[in-house]
């Protein structure tokens, strides 16, 4: 079972991620901007694939020109290490694209 991390640890872990990630209460969110719709859909699919592979599924919202990915751990009522691990893996996927 995952363990909830405190605000201090969350802030420290946030510093290891891409600068566009932000803490919003008990959620970790990054908004990606694109020109058009296709790349937003492709990123949404990549985030969904990562969630399935890791067994830790993000909330994903997308439309023309954007895709927003949010991680939280519902079981602990906040953030866990898995949220930051998955965010880092998504960063690596995007950087490698």
PDB file of N, CA and C in Angstrom:
ATOM      1  N   UNK A   1       0.834  -1.185   0.000  1.00  0.00           N
ATOM      2  CA  UNK A   1       0.000   0.000   0.000  1.00  0.00           C
ATOM      3  C   UNK A   1       0.880   1.250   0.000  1.00  0.00           C
ATOM      4  N   UNK A   2       0.504   2.204  -0.807  1.00  0.00           N
ATOM      5  CA  UNK A   2       1.237   3.464  -0.891  1.00  0.00           C
ATOM      6  C   UNK A   2       1.063   4.269   0.395  1.00  0.00           C
ATOM      7  N   UNK A   3       2.034   5.122   0.643  1.00  0.00           N
ATOM      8  CA  UNK A   3       1.962   5.998   1.804  1.00  0.00           C
ATOM      9  C   UNK A   3       1.862   7.442   1.340  1.00  0.00           C
ATOM     10  N   UNK A   4       1.030   8.210   2.018  1.00  0.00           N
ATOM     11  CA  UNK A   4       0.870   9.625   1.710  1.00  0.00           C
ATOM     12  C   UNK A   4       2.144  10.364   2.114  1.00  0.00           C
ATOM     13  N   UNK A   5       2.603  11.261   1.236  1.00  0.00           N
ATOM     14  CA  UNK A   5       3.771  12.067   1.567  1.00  0.00           C
ATOM     15  C   UNK A   5       3.313  13.441   2.033  1.00  0.00           C
ATOM     16  N   UNK A   6       4.132  14.066   2.872  1.00  0.00           N
ATOM     17  CA  UNK A   6       3.746  15.369   3.414  1.00  0.00           C
ATOM     18  C   UNK A   6       4.104  16.487   2.435  1.00  0.00           C
ATOM     19  N   UNK A   7       3.676  17.692   2.764  1.00  0.00           N
ATOM     20  CA  UNK A   7       3.853  18.834   1.874  1.00  0.00           C
ATOM     21  C   UNK A   7       5.324  19.138   1.617  1.00  0.00           C
ATOM     22  N   UNK A   8       6.160  19.000   2.626  1.00  0.00           N
ATOM     23  CA  UNK A   8       7.594  19.262   2.452  1.00  0.00           C
ATOM     24  C   UNK A   8       8.235  18.311   1.471  1.00  0.00           C
ATOM     25  N   UNK A   9       7.922  17.031   1.607  1.00  0.00           N
ATOM     26  CA  UNK A   9       8.479  16.045   0.673  1.00  0.00           C
ATOM     27  C   UNK A   9       7.928  16.265  -0.726  1.00  0.00           C
ATOM     28  N   UNK A  10       6.651  16.624  -0.821  1.00  0.00           N
ATOM     29  CA  UNK A  10       6.050  16.889  -2.134  1.00  0.00           C
ATOM     30  C   UNK A  10       6.763  18.054  -2.818  1.00  0.00           C
ATOM     31  N   UNK A  11       7.064  19.088  -2.061  1.00  0.00           N
ATOM     32  CA  UNK A  11       7.759  20.251  -2.620  1.00  0.00           C
ATOM     33  C   UNK A  11       9.163  19.869  -3.073  1.00  0.00           C
ATOM     34  N   UNK A  12       9.853  19.065  -2.282  1.00  0.00           N
ATOM     35  CA  UNK A  12      11.192  18.601  -2.658  1.00  0.00           C
ATOM     36  C   UNK A  12      11.134  17.778  -3.934  1.00  0.00           C
ATOM     37  N   UNK A  13      10.186  16.842  -4.010  1.00  0.00           N
ATOM     38  CA  UNK A  13      10.070  15.993  -5.200  1.00  0.00           C
ATOM     39  C   UNK A  13       9.656  16.805  -6.424  1.00  0.00           C
ATOM     40  N   UNK A  14       8.854  17.832  -6.229  1.00  0.00           N
ATOM     41  CA  UNK A  14       8.439  18.683  -7.340  1.00  0.00           C
ATOM     42  C   UNK A  14       9.662  19.292  -8.027  1.00  0.00           C
ATOM     43  N   UNK A  15      10.687  19.610  -7.259  1.00  0.00           N
ATOM     44  CA  UNK A  15      11.902  20.196  -7.808  1.00  0.00           C
ATOM     45  C   UNK A  15      12.677  19.277  -8.733  1.00  0.00           C
ATOM     46  N   UNK A  16      12.363  17.992  -8.741  1.00  0.00           N
ATOM     47  CA  UNK A  16      13.054  17.043  -9.620  1.00  0.00           C
ATOM     48  C   UNK A  16      12.349  16.882 -10.963  1.00  0.00           C
ATOM     49  N   UNK A  17      11.178  17.477 -11.092  1.00  0.00           N
ATOM     50  CA  UNK A  17      10.361  17.322 -12.304  1.00  0.00           C
ATOM     51  C   UNK A  17      10.513  18.526 -13.227  1.00  0.00           C
ATOM     52  N   UNK A  18       9.954  18.403 -14.426  1.00  0.00           N
ATOM     53  CA  UNK A  18       9.904  19.533 -15.361  1.00  0.00           C
ATOM     54  C   UNK A  18       9.239  20.717 -14.663  1.00  0.00           C
ATOM     55  N   UNK A  19       9.704  21.903 -14.977  1.00  0.00           N
ATOM     56  CA  UNK A  19       9.223  23.109 -14.296  1.00  0.00           C
ATOM     57  C   UNK A  19       7.727  23.390 -14.477  1.00  0.00           C
ATOM     58  N   UNK A  20       7.083  22.771 -15.443  1.00  0.00           N
ATOM     59  CA  UNK A  20       5.653  23.018 -15.670  1.00  0.00           C
ATOM     60  C   UNK A  20       4.740  22.233 -14.729  1.00  0.00           C
ATOM     61  N   UNK A  21       5.278  21.273 -13.973  1.00  0.00           N
ATOM     62  CA  UNK A  21       4.451  20.563 -12.999  1.00  0.00           C
ATOM     63  C   UNK A  21       4.148  21.503 -11.845  1.00  0.00           C
ATOM     64  N   UNK A  22       2.932  21.396 -11.302  1.00  0.00           N
ATOM     65  CA  UNK A  22       2.563  22.220 -10.160  1.00  0.00           C
ATOM     66  C   UNK A  22       1.749  21.408  -9.161  1.00  0.00           C
ATOM     67  N   UNK A  23       1.879  21.786  -7.919  1.00  0.00           N
ATOM     68  CA  UNK A  23       1.089  21.165  -6.859  1.00  0.00           C
ATOM     69  C   UNK A  23      -0.194  21.968  -6.697  1.00  0.00           C
ATOM     70  N   UNK A  24      -1.305  21.257  -6.693  1.00  0.00           N
ATOM     71  CA  UNK A  24      -2.611  21.883  -6.489  1.00  0.00           C
ATOM     72  C   UNK A  24      -3.314  21.107  -5.391  1.00  0.00           C
ATOM     73  N   UNK A  25      -3.016  21.459  -4.145  1.00  0.00           N
ATOM     74  CA  UNK A  25      -3.573  20.717  -3.021  1.00  0.00           C
ATOM     75  C   UNK A  25      -2.995  19.326  -2.993  1.00  0.00           C
ATOM     76  N   UNK A  26      -3.853  18.320  -3.151  1.00  0.00           N
ATOM     77  CA  UNK A  26      -3.406  16.924  -3.116  1.00  0.00           C
ATOM     78  C   UNK A  26      -3.212  16.350  -4.506  1.00  0.00           C
ATOM     79  N   UNK A  27      -2.934  17.220  -5.486  1.00  0.00           N
ATOM     80  CA  UNK A  27      -2.766  16.785  -6.875  1.00  0.00           C
ATOM     81  C   UNK A  27      -1.501  17.367  -7.478  1.00  0.00           C
ATOM     82  N   UNK A  28      -0.962  16.633  -8.443  1.00  0.00           N
ATOM     83  CA  UNK A  28       0.223  17.029  -9.199  1.00  0.00           C
ATOM     84  C   UNK A  28      -0.206  17.146 -10.653  1.00  0.00           C
ATOM     85  N   UNK A  29      -0.099  18.347 -11.224  1.00  0.00           N
ATOM     86  CA  UNK A  29      -0.674  18.607 -12.547  1.00  0.00           C
ATOM     87  C   UNK A  29       0.331  19.285 -13.473  1.00  0.00           C
ATOM     88  N   UNK A  30       0.280  18.879 -14.734  1.00  0.00           N
ATOM     89  CA  UNK A  30       1.044  19.561 -15.778  1.00  0.00           C
ATOM     90  C   UNK A  30       0.152  19.761 -16.990  1.00  0.00           C
ATOM     91  N   UNK A  31       0.174  20.971 -17.519  1.00  0.00           N
ATOM     92  CA  UNK A  31      -0.581  21.298 -18.728  1.00  0.00           C
ATOM     93  C   UNK A  31       0.405  21.441 -19.882  1.00  0.00           C
ATOM     94  N   UNK A  32       0.156  20.693 -20.930  1.00  0.00           N
ATOM     95  CA  UNK A  32       0.974  20.722 -22.137  1.00  0.00           C
ATOM     96  C   UNK A  32       0.226  21.523 -23.193  1.00  0.00           C
ATOM     97  N   UNK A  33       0.930  22.378 -23.916  1.00  0.00           N
ATOM     98  CA  UNK A  33       0.304  23.185 -24.972  1.00  0.00           C
ATOM     99  C   UNK A  33       0.813  22.727 -26.335  1.00  0.00           C
ATOM    100  N   UNK A  34      -0.092  22.707 -27.286  1.00  0.00           N
ATOM    101  CA  UNK A  34       0.218  22.277 -28.648  1.00  0.00           C
ATOM    102  C   UNK A  34      -0.477  23.192 -29.639  1.00  0.00           C
ATOM    103  N   UNK A  35      -0.039  23.134 -30.877  1.00  0.00           N
ATOM    104  CA  UNK A  35      -0.755  23.796 -31.964  1.00  0.00           C
ATOM    105  C   UNK A  35      -1.581  22.715 -32.640  1.00  0.00           C
ATOM    106  N   UNK A  36      -2.839  22.694 -32.387  1.00  0.00           N
ATOM    107  CA  UNK A  36      -3.713  21.710 -33.001  1.00  0.00           C
ATOM    108  C   UNK A  36      -4.225  20.678 -32.012  1.00  0.00           C
ATOM    109  N   UNK A  37      -4.892  19.686 -32.552  1.00  0.00           N
ATOM    110  CA  UNK A  37      -5.581  18.677 -31.752  1.00  0.00           C
ATOM    111  C   UNK A  37      -4.830  17.348 -31.700  1.00  0.00           C
ATOM    112  N   UNK A  38      -4.226  16.939 -32.809  1.00  0.00           N
ATOM    113  CA  UNK A  38      -3.632  15.610 -32.908  1.00  0.00           C
ATOM    114  C   UNK A  38      -2.557  15.353 -31.854  1.00  0.00           C
ATOM    115  N   UNK A  39      -1.674  16.307 -31.622  1.00  0.00           N
ATOM    116  CA  UNK A  39      -0.607  16.099 -30.637  1.00  0.00           C
ATOM    117  C   UNK A  39      -1.175  16.016 -29.218  1.00  0.00           C
ATOM    118  N   UNK A  40      -2.246  16.744 -28.951  1.00  0.00           N
ATOM    119  CA  UNK A  40      -2.893  16.657 -27.638  1.00  0.00           C
ATOM    120  C   UNK A  40      -3.461  15.258 -27.418  1.00  0.00           C
ATOM    121  N   UNK A  41      -4.079  14.705 -28.446  1.00  0.00           N
ATOM    122  CA  UNK A  41      -4.621  13.343 -28.359  1.00  0.00           C
ATOM    123  C   UNK A  41      -3.492  12.331 -28.191  1.00  0.00           C
ATOM    124  N   UNK A  42      -2.405  12.527 -28.923  1.00  0.00           N
ATOM    125  CA  UNK A  42      -1.270  11.605 -28.822  1.00  0.00           C
ATOM    126  C   UNK A  42      -0.690  11.605 -27.403  1.00  0.00           C
ATOM    127  N   UNK A  43      -0.580  12.783 -26.790  1.00  0.00           N
ATOM    128  CA  UNK A  43      -0.059  12.835 -25.426  1.00  0.00           C
ATOM    129  C   UNK A  43      -1.039  12.199 -24.446  1.00  0.00           C
ATOM    130  N   UNK A  44      -2.329  12.442 -24.643  1.00  0.00           N
ATOM    131  CA  UNK A  44      -3.332  11.806 -23.781  1.00  0.00           C
ATOM    132  C   UNK A  44      -3.211  10.283 -23.865  1.00  0.00           C
ATOM    133  N   UNK A  45      -3.026   9.762 -25.065  1.00  0.00           N
ATOM    134  CA  UNK A  45      -2.856   8.317 -25.236  1.00  0.00           C
ATOM    135  C   UNK A  45      -1.566   7.829 -24.573  1.00  0.00           C
ATOM    136  N   UNK A  46      -0.493   8.588 -24.681  1.00  0.00           N
ATOM    137  CA  UNK A  46       0.769   8.204 -24.048  1.00  0.00           C
ATOM    138  C   UNK A  46       0.626   8.190 -22.530  1.00  0.00           C
ATOM    139  N   UNK A  47      -0.051   9.181 -21.969  1.00  0.00           N
ATOM    140  CA  UNK A  47      -0.266   9.227 -20.518  1.00  0.00           C
ATOM    141  C   UNK A  47      -1.140   8.063 -20.066  1.00  0.00           C
ATOM    142  N   UNK A  48      -2.140   7.709 -20.877  1.00  0.00           N
ATOM    143  CA  UNK A  48      -3.004   6.563 -20.553  1.00  0.00           C
ATOM    144  C   UNK A  48      -2.200   5.259 -20.611  1.00  0.00           C
ATOM    145  N   UNK A  49      -1.354   5.121 -21.616  1.00  0.00           N
ATOM    146  CA  UNK A  49      -0.495   3.938 -21.734  1.00  0.00           C
ATOM    147  C   UNK A  49       0.419   3.818 -20.516  1.00  0.00           C
ATOM    148  N   UNK A  50       1.040   4.924 -20.130  1.00  0.00           N
ATOM    149  CA  UNK A  50       1.918   4.930 -18.961  1.00  0.00           C
ATOM    150  C   UNK A  50       1.137   4.522 -17.711  1.00  0.00           C
ATOM    151  N   UNK A  51      -0.050   5.064 -17.542  1.00  0.00           N
ATOM    152  CA  UNK A  51      -0.870   4.717 -16.383  1.00  0.00           C
ATOM    153  C   UNK A  51      -1.186   3.236 -16.326  1.00  0.00           C
ATOM    154  N   UNK A  52      -1.520   2.656 -17.454  1.00  0.00           N
ATOM    155  CA  UNK A  52      -1.793   1.214 -17.487  1.00  0.00           C
ATOM    156  C   UNK A  52      -0.543   0.407 -17.170  1.00  0.00           C
ATOM    157  N   UNK A  53       0.568   0.807 -17.754  1.00  0.00           N
ATOM    158  CA  UNK A  53       1.825   0.089 -17.537  1.00  0.00           C
ATOM    159  C   UNK A  53       2.264   0.150 -16.074  1.00  0.00           C
ATOM    160  N   UNK A  54       2.074   1.300 -15.438  1.00  0.00           N
ATOM    161  CA  UNK A  54       2.517   1.497 -14.065  1.00  0.00           C
ATOM    162  C   UNK A  54       1.458   1.096 -13.036  1.00  0.00           C
ATOM    163  N   UNK A  55       0.218   0.849 -13.491  1.00  0.00           N
ATOM    164  CA  UNK A  55      -0.858   0.547 -12.552  1.00  0.00           C
ATOM    165  C   UNK A  55      -1.205   1.746 -11.693  1.00  0.00           C
ATOM    166  N   UNK A  56      -0.999   2.942 -12.222  1.00  0.00           N
ATOM    167  CA  UNK A  56      -1.265   4.188 -11.501  1.00  0.00           C
ATOM    168  C   UNK A  56      -1.808   5.185 -12.516  1.00  0.00           C
ATOM    169  N   UNK A  57      -3.109   5.334 -12.557  1.00  0.00           N
ATOM    170  CA  UNK A  57      -3.771   6.025 -13.656  1.00  0.00           C
ATOM    171  C   UNK A  57      -4.020   7.503 -13.371  1.00  0.00           C
ATOM    172  N   UNK A  58      -3.567   8.369 -14.272  1.00  0.00           N
ATOM    173  CA  UNK A  58      -3.792   9.800 -14.100  1.00  0.00           C
ATOM    174  C   UNK A  58      -5.183  10.209 -14.575  1.00  0.00           C
ATOM    175  N   UNK A  59      -5.589  11.394 -14.170  1.00  0.00           N
ATOM    176  CA  UNK A  59      -6.740  12.047 -14.770  1.00  0.00           C
ATOM    177  C   UNK A  59      -6.195  12.828 -15.960  1.00  0.00           C
ATOM    178  N   UNK A  60      -6.887  12.739 -17.085  1.00  0.00           N
ATOM    179  CA  UNK A  60      -6.413  13.378 -18.312  1.00  0.00           C
ATOM    180  C   UNK A  60      -7.550  14.188 -18.904  1.00  0.00           C
ATOM    181  N   UNK A  61      -7.249  15.450 -19.221  1.00  0.00           N
ATOM    182  CA  UNK A  61      -8.203  16.307 -19.923  1.00  0.00           C
ATOM    183  C   UNK A  61      -7.486  16.860 -21.148  1.00  0.00           C
ATOM    184  N   UNK A  62      -8.156  16.867 -22.296  1.00  0.00           N
ATOM    185  CA  UNK A  62      -7.509  17.391 -23.490  1.00  0.00           C
ATOM    186  C   UNK A  62      -8.549  17.975 -24.432  1.00  0.00           C
ATOM    187  N   UNK A  63      -8.055  18.816 -25.298  1.00  0.00           N
ATOM    188  CA  UNK A  63      -8.873  19.447 -26.326  1.00  0.00           C
ATOM    189  C   UNK A  63      -7.945  20.091 -27.333  1.00  0.00           C
ATOM    190  N   UNK A  64      -8.489  20.945 -28.181  1.00  0.00           N
ATOM    191  CA  UNK A  64      -7.662  21.589 -29.185  1.00  0.00           C
ATOM    192  C   UNK A  64      -6.589  22.412 -28.488  1.00  0.00           C
ATOM    193  N   UNK A  65      -5.328  22.043 -28.714  1.00  0.00           N
ATOM    194  CA  UNK A  65      -4.211  22.823 -28.232  1.00  0.00           C
ATOM    195  C   UNK A  65      -3.712  22.529 -26.831  1.00  0.00           C
ATOM    196  N   UNK A  66      -4.306  21.555 -26.135  1.00  0.00           N
ATOM    197  CA  UNK A  66      -3.812  21.285 -24.779  1.00  0.00           C
ATOM    198  C   UNK A  66      -4.084  19.845 -24.345  1.00  0.00           C
ATOM    199  N   UNK A  67      -3.281  19.404 -23.401  1.00  0.00           N
ATOM    200  CA  UNK A  67      -3.516  18.156 -22.690  1.00  0.00           C
ATOM    201  C   UNK A  67      -3.047  18.392 -21.258  1.00  0.00           C
ATOM    202  N   UNK A  68      -3.921  18.138 -20.302  1.00  0.00           N
ATOM    203  CA  UNK A  68      -3.580  18.318 -18.898  1.00  0.00           C
ATOM    204  C   UNK A  68      -3.613  16.966 -18.203  1.00  0.00           C
ATOM    205  N   UNK A  69      -2.512  16.644 -17.529  1.00  0.00           N
ATOM    206  CA  UNK A  69      -2.359  15.356 -16.857  1.00  0.00           C
ATOM    207  C   UNK A  69      -2.238  15.624 -15.360  1.00  0.00           C
ATOM    208  N   UNK A  70      -3.038  14.897 -14.573  1.00  0.00           N
ATOM    209  CA  UNK A  70      -3.051  15.083 -13.122  1.00  0.00           C
ATOM    210  C   UNK A  70      -2.871  13.744 -12.434  1.00  0.00           C
ATOM    211  N   UNK A  71      -1.909  13.690 -11.524  1.00  0.00           N
ATOM    212  CA  UNK A  71      -1.684  12.499 -10.705  1.00  0.00           C
ATOM    213  C   UNK A  71      -2.083  12.780  -9.265  1.00  0.00           C
ATOM    214  N   UNK A  72      -2.696  11.800  -8.636  1.00  0.00           N
ATOM    215  CA  UNK A  72      -2.985  11.793  -7.214  1.00  0.00           C
ATOM    216  C   UNK A  72      -3.182  10.334  -6.822  1.00  0.00           C
ATOM    217  N   UNK A  73      -3.074  10.038  -5.546  1.00  0.00           N
ATOM    218  CA  UNK A  73      -3.272   8.667  -5.089  1.00  0.00           C
ATOM    219  C   UNK A  73      -4.523   8.639  -4.229  1.00  0.00           C
ATOM    220  N   UNK A  74      -5.616   8.215  -4.839  1.00  0.00           N
ATOM    221  CA  UNK A  74      -6.911   8.225  -4.158  1.00  0.00           C
ATOM    222  C   UNK A  74      -6.896   7.386  -2.885  1.00  0.00           C
ATOM    223  N   UNK A  75      -6.185   6.257  -2.913  1.00  0.00           N
ATOM    224  CA  UNK A  75      -6.155   5.353  -1.762  1.00  0.00           C
ATOM    225  C   UNK A  75      -5.610   6.005  -0.498  1.00  0.00           C
ATOM    226  N   UNK A  76      -4.704   6.989  -0.657  1.00  0.00           N
ATOM    227  CA  UNK A  76      -4.124   7.632   0.521  1.00  0.00           C
ATOM    228  C   UNK A  76      -4.697   9.022   0.756  1.00  0.00           C
ATOM    229  N   UNK A  77      -5.556   9.468  -0.147  1.00  0.00           N
ATOM    230  CA  UNK A  77      -6.157  10.785   0.003  1.00  0.00           C
ATOM    231  C   UNK A  77      -5.166  11.917  -0.198  1.00  0.00           C
ATOM    232  N   UNK A  78      -4.237  11.722  -1.091  1.00  0.00           N
ATOM    233  CA  UNK A  78      -3.233  12.754  -1.360  1.00  0.00           C
ATOM    234  C   UNK A  78      -2.187  12.258  -2.321  1.00  0.00           C
ATOM    235  N   UNK A  79      -0.991  12.749  -2.142  1.00  0.00           N
ATOM    236  CA  UNK A  79       0.117  12.394  -3.029  1.00  0.00           C
ATOM    237  C   UNK A  79       0.980  11.296  -2.427  1.00  0.00           C
ATOM    238  N   UNK A  80       1.489  10.437  -3.304  1.00  0.00           N
ATOM    239  CA  UNK A  80       2.417   9.377  -2.902  1.00  0.00           C
ATOM    240  C   UNK A  80       3.621   9.442  -3.837  1.00  0.00           C
ATOM    241  N   UNK A  81       4.626   8.645  -3.525  1.00  0.00           N
ATOM    242  CA  UNK A  81       5.813   8.580  -4.375  1.00  0.00           C
ATOM    243  C   UNK A  81       5.443   8.174  -5.802  1.00  0.00           C
ATOM    244  N   UNK A  82       4.430   7.330  -5.956  1.00  0.00           N
ATOM    245  CA  UNK A  82       4.014   6.870  -7.287  1.00  0.00           C
ATOM    246  C   UNK A  82       3.604   8.027  -8.193  1.00  0.00           C
ATOM    247  N   UNK A  83       3.000   9.058  -7.624  1.00  0.00           N
ATOM    248  CA  UNK A  83       2.592  10.210  -8.431  1.00  0.00           C
ATOM    249  C   UNK A  83       3.805  10.892  -9.056  1.00  0.00           C
ATOM    250  N   UNK A  84       4.837  11.098  -8.257  1.00  0.00           N
ATOM    251  CA  UNK A  84       6.046  11.756  -8.746  1.00  0.00           C
ATOM    252  C   UNK A  84       6.842  10.841  -9.671  1.00  0.00           C
ATOM    253  N   UNK A  85       6.857   9.552  -9.395  1.00  0.00           N
ATOM    254  CA  UNK A  85       7.531   8.595 -10.270  1.00  0.00           C
ATOM    255  C   UNK A  85       6.884   8.591 -11.652  1.00  0.00           C
ATOM    256  N   UNK A  86       5.566   8.556 -11.688  1.00  0.00           N
ATOM    257  CA  UNK A  86       4.860   8.550 -12.979  1.00  0.00           C
ATOM    258  C   UNK A  86       5.040   9.877 -13.713  1.00  0.00           C
ATOM    259  N   UNK A  87       5.028  10.987 -12.987  1.00  0.00           N
ATOM    260  CA  UNK A  87       5.265  12.289 -13.619  1.00  0.00           C
ATOM    261  C   UNK A  87       6.657  12.323 -14.250  1.00  0.00           C
ATOM    262  N   UNK A  88       7.645  11.799 -13.557  1.00  0.00           N
ATOM    263  CA  UNK A  88       9.016  11.763 -14.104  1.00  0.00           C
ATOM    264  C   UNK A  88       9.076  10.877 -15.345  1.00  0.00           C
ATOM    265  N   UNK A  89       8.369   9.775 -15.327  1.00  0.00           N
ATOM    266  CA  UNK A  89       8.350   8.882 -16.496  1.00  0.00           C
ATOM    267  C   UNK A  89       7.650   9.537 -17.678  1.00  0.00           C
ATOM    268  N   UNK A  90       6.597  10.297 -17.400  1.00  0.00           N
ATOM    269  CA  UNK A  90       5.935  11.031 -18.480  1.00  0.00           C
ATOM    270  C   UNK A  90       6.865  12.107 -19.028  1.00  0.00           C
ATOM    271  N   UNK A  91       7.584  12.803 -18.155  1.00  0.00           N
ATOM    272  CA  UNK A  91       8.571  13.783 -18.613  1.00  0.00           C
ATOM    273  C   UNK A  91       9.582  13.131 -19.557  1.00  0.00           C
ATOM    274  N   UNK A  92      10.060  11.950 -19.183  1.00  0.00           N
ATOM    275  CA  UNK A  92      11.052  11.246 -20.010  1.00  0.00           C
ATOM    276  C   UNK A  92      10.454  10.844 -21.358  1.00  0.00           C
ATOM    277  N   UNK A  93       9.197  10.416 -21.350  1.00  0.00           N
ATOM    278  CA  UNK A  93       8.539  10.044 -22.609  1.00  0.00           C
ATOM    279  C   UNK A  93       8.428  11.257 -23.545  1.00  0.00           C
ATOM    280  N   UNK A  94       8.044  12.372 -22.976  1.00  0.00           N
ATOM    281  CA  UNK A  94       7.863  13.594 -23.772  1.00  0.00           C
ATOM    282  C   UNK A  94       9.215  14.103 -24.278  1.00  0.00           C
ATOM    283  N   UNK A  95      10.225  14.051 -23.434  1.00  0.00           N
ATOM    284  CA  UNK A  95      11.558  14.514 -23.839  1.00  0.00           C
ATOM    285  C   UNK A  95      12.138  13.635 -24.941  1.00  0.00           C
ATOM    286  N   UNK A  96      11.796  12.360 -24.936  1.00  0.00           N
ATOM    287  CA  UNK A  96      12.317  11.438 -25.925  1.00  0.00           C
ATOM    288  C   UNK A  96      11.543  11.427 -27.229  1.00  0.00           C
ATOM    289  N   UNK A  97      10.440  12.166 -27.273  1.00  0.00           N
ATOM    290  CA  UNK A  97       9.589  12.161 -28.476  1.00  0.00           C
ATOM    291  C   UNK A  97      10.098  13.121 -29.525  1.00  0.00           C
TER     292      UNK A  97
END
